[in-house]
Amino acid sequence: MKRFLFLSYGFEKPSPEVMGAWQQWFASIADRTVDQGGLWSGGREVTTDGATELPFGPDAITGYLIFTADDIDDAERIVRDCPVVASNRVYEIMAK
């Protein structure tokens, strides 16, 4: 199995129904989860020109997860079932 990085974008205060949907989704992929990651708030982008505060809002990365799947198509199917705030992205983690 290959490893994939899932990034969730956007933030809205979740309703109890949305929280329940998230919990069900995480439970449904528990056997594929490598690192459930977590949620966070604002951050900083660091470049050679300095640092910029990153707001916590609709365009922010708000969580991550590392999970296993057969290939990118399988990973997409898994991510499609996740409750979406703004968007979800998935990337294959290349083997060393």
N, C-alpha and C. Protein backbone atom coordinates (compact mmCIF):
# COMPACT_ATOMS: atom_id res chain seq x y z
N MET A 1 0.83 -1.18 0.00
CA MET A 1 0.00 0.00 0.00
C MET A 1 0.88 1.25 0.00
N LYS A 2 0.39 2.27 -0.63
CA LYS A 2 1.10 3.54 -0.69
C LYS A 2 0.55 4.47 0.39
N ARG A 3 1.34 5.48 0.72
CA ARG A 3 0.89 6.47 1.72
C ARG A 3 0.48 7.75 1.01
N PHE A 4 -0.55 8.40 1.58
CA PHE A 4 -1.09 9.63 1.01
C PHE A 4 -1.28 10.68 2.10
N LEU A 5 -1.10 11.93 1.70
CA LEU A 5 -1.32 13.07 2.59
C LEU A 5 -2.63 13.72 2.20
N PHE A 6 -3.52 13.85 3.15
CA PHE A 6 -4.82 14.49 2.97
C PHE A 6 -4.76 15.85 3.65
N LEU A 7 -5.12 16.91 2.96
CA LEU A 7 -5.18 18.25 3.53
C LEU A 7 -6.60 18.78 3.40
N SER A 8 -7.13 19.29 4.50
CA SER A 8 -8.45 19.92 4.43
C SER A 8 -8.25 21.43 4.45
N TYR A 9 -9.06 22.11 3.67
CA TYR A 9 -8.98 23.56 3.53
C TYR A 9 -10.29 24.19 3.99
N GLY A 10 -10.18 25.35 4.58
CA GLY A 10 -11.34 26.13 4.96
C GLY A 10 -11.82 25.83 6.36
N PHE A 11 -12.48 26.81 6.94
CA PHE A 11 -13.00 26.62 8.29
C PHE A 11 -14.36 27.28 8.43
N GLU A 12 -15.26 26.56 9.00
CA GLU A 12 -16.55 27.07 9.46
C GLU A 12 -16.80 26.39 10.79
N LYS A 13 -17.41 27.08 11.72
CA LYS A 13 -17.72 26.44 12.99
C LYS A 13 -18.64 25.25 12.71
N PRO A 14 -18.21 24.04 13.07
CA PRO A 14 -18.99 22.86 12.71
C PRO A 14 -20.23 22.69 13.59
N SER A 15 -21.29 22.24 12.98
CA SER A 15 -22.50 21.89 13.71
C SER A 15 -22.29 20.51 14.33
N PRO A 16 -23.12 20.13 15.28
CA PRO A 16 -23.01 18.76 15.82
C PRO A 16 -23.16 17.69 14.74
N GLU A 17 -23.99 17.96 13.72
CA GLU A 17 -24.16 17.00 12.63
C GLU A 17 -22.87 16.84 11.83
N VAL A 18 -22.21 17.95 11.55
CA VAL A 18 -20.96 17.90 10.80
C VAL A 18 -19.89 17.18 11.62
N MET A 19 -19.81 17.48 12.90
CA MET A 19 -18.84 16.79 13.76
C MET A 19 -19.11 15.29 13.78
N GLY A 20 -20.37 14.90 13.83
CA GLY A 20 -20.71 13.49 13.80
C GLY A 20 -20.31 12.84 12.49
N ALA A 21 -20.50 13.55 11.38
CA ALA A 21 -20.11 13.04 10.07
C ALA A 21 -18.60 12.86 9.99
N TRP A 22 -17.84 13.83 10.53
CA TRP A 22 -16.38 13.70 10.55
C TRP A 22 -15.97 12.48 11.37
N GLN A 23 -16.55 12.31 12.56
CA GLN A 23 -16.20 11.17 13.41
C GLN A 23 -16.50 9.85 12.72
N GLN A 24 -17.63 9.77 12.03
CA GLN A 24 -17.97 8.55 11.29
C GLN A 24 -16.97 8.29 10.17
N TRP A 25 -16.58 9.36 9.46
CA TRP A 25 -15.62 9.19 8.37
C TRP A 25 -14.28 8.70 8.90
N PHE A 26 -13.78 9.31 9.98
CA PHE A 26 -12.52 8.87 10.57
C PHE A 26 -12.61 7.42 11.03
N ALA A 27 -13.72 7.02 11.62
CA ALA A 27 -13.90 5.63 12.05
C ALA A 27 -13.90 4.68 10.85
N SER A 28 -14.45 5.12 9.72
CA SER A 28 -14.54 4.26 8.55
C SER A 28 -13.18 3.99 7.91
N ILE A 29 -12.18 4.82 8.18
CA ILE A 29 -10.85 4.63 7.60
C ILE A 29 -9.79 4.35 8.67
N ALA A 30 -10.22 3.98 9.86
CA ALA A 30 -9.29 3.76 10.97
C ALA A 30 -8.20 2.75 10.62
N ASP A 31 -8.55 1.71 9.87
CA ASP A 31 -7.57 0.68 9.52
C ASP A 31 -6.57 1.16 8.47
N ARG A 32 -6.81 2.30 7.84
CA ARG A 32 -5.89 2.87 6.84
C ARG A 32 -5.11 4.06 7.38
N THR A 33 -5.46 4.53 8.57
CA THR A 33 -4.86 5.74 9.11
C THR A 33 -3.46 5.47 9.66
N VAL A 34 -2.49 6.27 9.20
CA VAL A 34 -1.12 6.20 9.69
C VAL A 34 -0.92 7.28 10.75
N ASP A 35 -1.39 8.49 10.48
CA ASP A 35 -1.27 9.62 11.41
C ASP A 35 -2.52 10.47 11.23
N GLN A 36 -3.37 10.54 12.26
CA GLN A 36 -4.61 11.30 12.15
C GLN A 36 -4.36 12.80 12.16
N GLY A 37 -3.13 13.20 12.43
CA GLY A 37 -2.81 14.63 12.36
C GLY A 37 -3.57 15.40 13.40
N GLY A 38 -4.21 16.43 12.97
CA GLY A 38 -4.95 17.27 13.89
C GLY A 38 -5.41 18.51 13.19
N LEU A 39 -6.06 19.33 13.94
CA LEU A 39 -6.53 20.62 13.44
C LEU A 39 -5.68 21.71 14.06
N TRP A 40 -5.59 22.81 13.41
CA TRP A 40 -4.84 23.93 13.97
C TRP A 40 -5.48 25.23 13.58
N SER A 41 -4.90 26.31 14.06
CA SER A 41 -5.41 27.64 13.71
C SER A 41 -4.34 28.35 12.89
N GLY A 42 -4.25 29.66 12.98
CA GLY A 42 -3.33 30.44 12.15
C GLY A 42 -1.90 29.96 12.21
N GLY A 43 -1.13 30.39 11.24
CA GLY A 43 0.28 30.02 11.17
C GLY A 43 1.06 31.11 10.48
N ARG A 44 2.25 30.76 10.02
CA ARG A 44 3.11 31.70 9.31
C ARG A 44 3.70 31.04 8.08
N GLU A 45 3.77 31.81 7.01
CA GLU A 45 4.49 31.38 5.82
C GLU A 45 5.87 32.01 5.91
N VAL A 46 6.91 31.19 5.81
CA VAL A 46 8.29 31.66 5.94
C VAL A 46 8.96 31.56 4.58
N THR A 47 9.47 32.68 4.09
CA THR A 47 10.19 32.73 2.82
C THR A 47 11.53 33.42 3.03
N THR A 48 12.30 33.53 1.96
CA THR A 48 13.58 34.23 2.07
C THR A 48 13.39 35.72 2.34
N ASP A 49 12.17 36.23 2.08
CA ASP A 49 11.88 37.65 2.33
C ASP A 49 11.36 37.92 3.72
N GLY A 50 11.13 36.88 4.52
CA GLY A 50 10.61 37.07 5.86
C GLY A 50 9.44 36.13 6.12
N ALA A 51 8.59 36.55 7.05
CA ALA A 51 7.45 35.72 7.44
C ALA A 51 6.16 36.54 7.33
N THR A 52 5.08 35.85 6.98
CA THR A 52 3.77 36.46 6.85
C THR A 52 2.78 35.67 7.68
N GLU A 53 1.98 36.36 8.48
CA GLU A 53 0.94 35.69 9.26
C GLU A 53 -0.09 35.11 8.30
N LEU A 54 -0.52 33.88 8.58
CA LEU A 54 -1.54 33.23 7.77
C LEU A 54 -2.85 33.21 8.56
N PRO A 55 -3.89 33.78 8.01
CA PRO A 55 -5.16 33.82 8.72
C PRO A 55 -5.83 32.44 8.75
N PHE A 56 -6.65 32.24 9.75
CA PHE A 56 -7.43 31.02 9.88
C PHE A 56 -8.80 31.32 9.30
N GLY A 57 -9.06 30.84 8.11
CA GLY A 57 -10.31 31.17 7.45
C GLY A 57 -10.59 30.26 6.27
N PRO A 58 -11.38 30.72 5.32
CA PRO A 58 -11.82 29.88 4.21
C PRO A 58 -10.71 29.33 3.32
N ASP A 59 -9.57 30.01 3.23
CA ASP A 59 -8.48 29.55 2.38
C ASP A 59 -7.37 28.85 3.14
N ALA A 60 -7.52 28.71 4.45
CA ALA A 60 -6.47 28.14 5.28
C ALA A 60 -6.47 26.61 5.21
N ILE A 61 -5.28 26.02 5.32
CA ILE A 61 -5.19 24.59 5.55
C ILE A 61 -5.55 24.39 7.01
N THR A 62 -6.53 23.55 7.28
CA THR A 62 -7.04 23.44 8.64
C THR A 62 -6.83 22.06 9.26
N GLY A 63 -6.29 21.12 8.52
CA GLY A 63 -6.03 19.81 9.09
C GLY A 63 -5.32 18.92 8.09
N TYR A 64 -4.77 17.82 8.62
CA TYR A 64 -4.11 16.86 7.75
C TYR A 64 -4.31 15.45 8.29
N LEU A 65 -4.04 14.49 7.44
CA LEU A 65 -4.14 13.08 7.77
C LEU A 65 -3.22 12.33 6.84
N ILE A 66 -2.51 11.35 7.34
CA ILE A 66 -1.73 10.46 6.48
C ILE A 66 -2.41 9.09 6.54
N PHE A 67 -2.71 8.55 5.35
CA PHE A 67 -3.41 7.27 5.29
C PHE A 67 -2.85 6.43 4.14
N THR A 68 -3.25 5.18 4.11
CA THR A 68 -2.79 4.29 3.05
C THR A 68 -3.91 4.01 2.06
N ALA A 69 -3.50 3.77 0.82
CA ALA A 69 -4.43 3.41 -0.25
C ALA A 69 -3.63 2.69 -1.33
N ASP A 70 -4.35 2.00 -2.20
CA ASP A 70 -3.68 1.25 -3.27
C ASP A 70 -3.00 2.18 -4.27
N ASP A 71 -3.68 3.27 -4.64
CA ASP A 71 -3.17 4.21 -5.62
C ASP A 71 -3.95 5.52 -5.47
N ILE A 72 -3.65 6.50 -6.32
CA ILE A 72 -4.28 7.82 -6.20
C ILE A 72 -5.79 7.73 -6.43
N ASP A 73 -6.24 6.82 -7.29
CA ASP A 73 -7.69 6.67 -7.51
C ASP A 73 -8.39 6.16 -6.25
N ASP A 74 -7.77 5.18 -5.59
CA ASP A 74 -8.31 4.67 -4.34
C ASP A 74 -8.30 5.77 -3.27
N ALA A 75 -7.21 6.54 -3.23
CA ALA A 75 -7.12 7.65 -2.27
C ALA A 75 -8.21 8.68 -2.52
N GLU A 76 -8.46 8.99 -3.78
CA GLU A 76 -9.52 9.95 -4.10
C GLU A 76 -10.88 9.44 -3.64
N ARG A 77 -11.15 8.14 -3.84
CA ARG A 77 -12.43 7.58 -3.38
C ARG A 77 -12.60 7.75 -1.87
N ILE A 78 -11.52 7.53 -1.13
CA ILE A 78 -11.57 7.68 0.32
C ILE A 78 -11.85 9.12 0.69
N VAL A 79 -11.15 10.06 0.07
CA VAL A 79 -11.30 11.49 0.37
C VAL A 79 -12.67 12.01 -0.04
N ARG A 80 -13.23 11.49 -1.12
CA ARG A 80 -14.56 11.93 -1.58
C ARG A 80 -15.64 11.73 -0.52
N ASP A 81 -15.49 10.72 0.34
CA ASP A 81 -16.48 10.45 1.38
C ASP A 81 -16.34 11.35 2.59
N CYS A 82 -15.27 12.12 2.66
CA CYS A 82 -15.03 12.99 3.80
C CYS A 82 -15.92 14.23 3.73
N PRO A 83 -16.52 14.63 4.86
CA PRO A 83 -17.29 15.89 4.86
C PRO A 83 -16.38 17.05 4.48
N VAL A 84 -16.81 17.87 3.56
CA VAL A 84 -16.00 18.96 3.03
C VAL A 84 -16.36 20.27 3.69
N VAL A 85 -15.35 21.03 4.10
CA VAL A 85 -15.57 22.39 4.56
C VAL A 85 -15.48 23.29 3.33
N ALA A 86 -14.29 23.46 2.75
CA ALA A 86 -14.15 24.22 1.50
C ALA A 86 -13.66 23.28 0.41
N SER A 87 -12.55 22.59 0.67
CA SER A 87 -12.05 21.57 -0.25
C SER A 87 -11.12 20.64 0.48
N ASN A 88 -10.91 19.49 -0.09
CA ASN A 88 -9.96 18.52 0.43
C ASN A 88 -8.99 18.18 -0.70
N ARG A 89 -7.73 18.03 -0.35
CA ARG A 89 -6.71 17.68 -1.34
C ARG A 89 -5.98 16.43 -0.87
N VAL A 90 -5.51 15.64 -1.83
CA VAL A 90 -4.78 14.43 -1.50
C VAL A 90 -3.54 14.35 -2.39
N TYR A 91 -2.42 13.98 -1.77
CA TYR A 91 -1.14 13.86 -2.46
C TYR A 91 -0.49 12.52 -2.11
N GLU A 92 0.11 11.87 -3.09
CA GLU A 92 0.87 10.66 -2.79
C GLU A 92 2.19 11.06 -2.13
N ILE A 93 2.56 10.34 -1.08
CA ILE A 93 3.84 10.54 -0.43
C ILE A 93 4.81 9.58 -1.10
N MET A 94 5.80 10.12 -1.76
CA MET A 94 6.74 9.31 -2.53
C MET A 94 7.63 8.49 -1.59
N ALA A 95 7.93 7.27 -2.00
CA ALA A 95 8.81 6.41 -1.22
C ALA A 95 10.22 6.97 -1.24
N LYS A 96 10.96 6.73 -0.19
CA LYS A 96 12.35 7.23 -0.12
C LYS A 96 13.25 6.39 -1.00
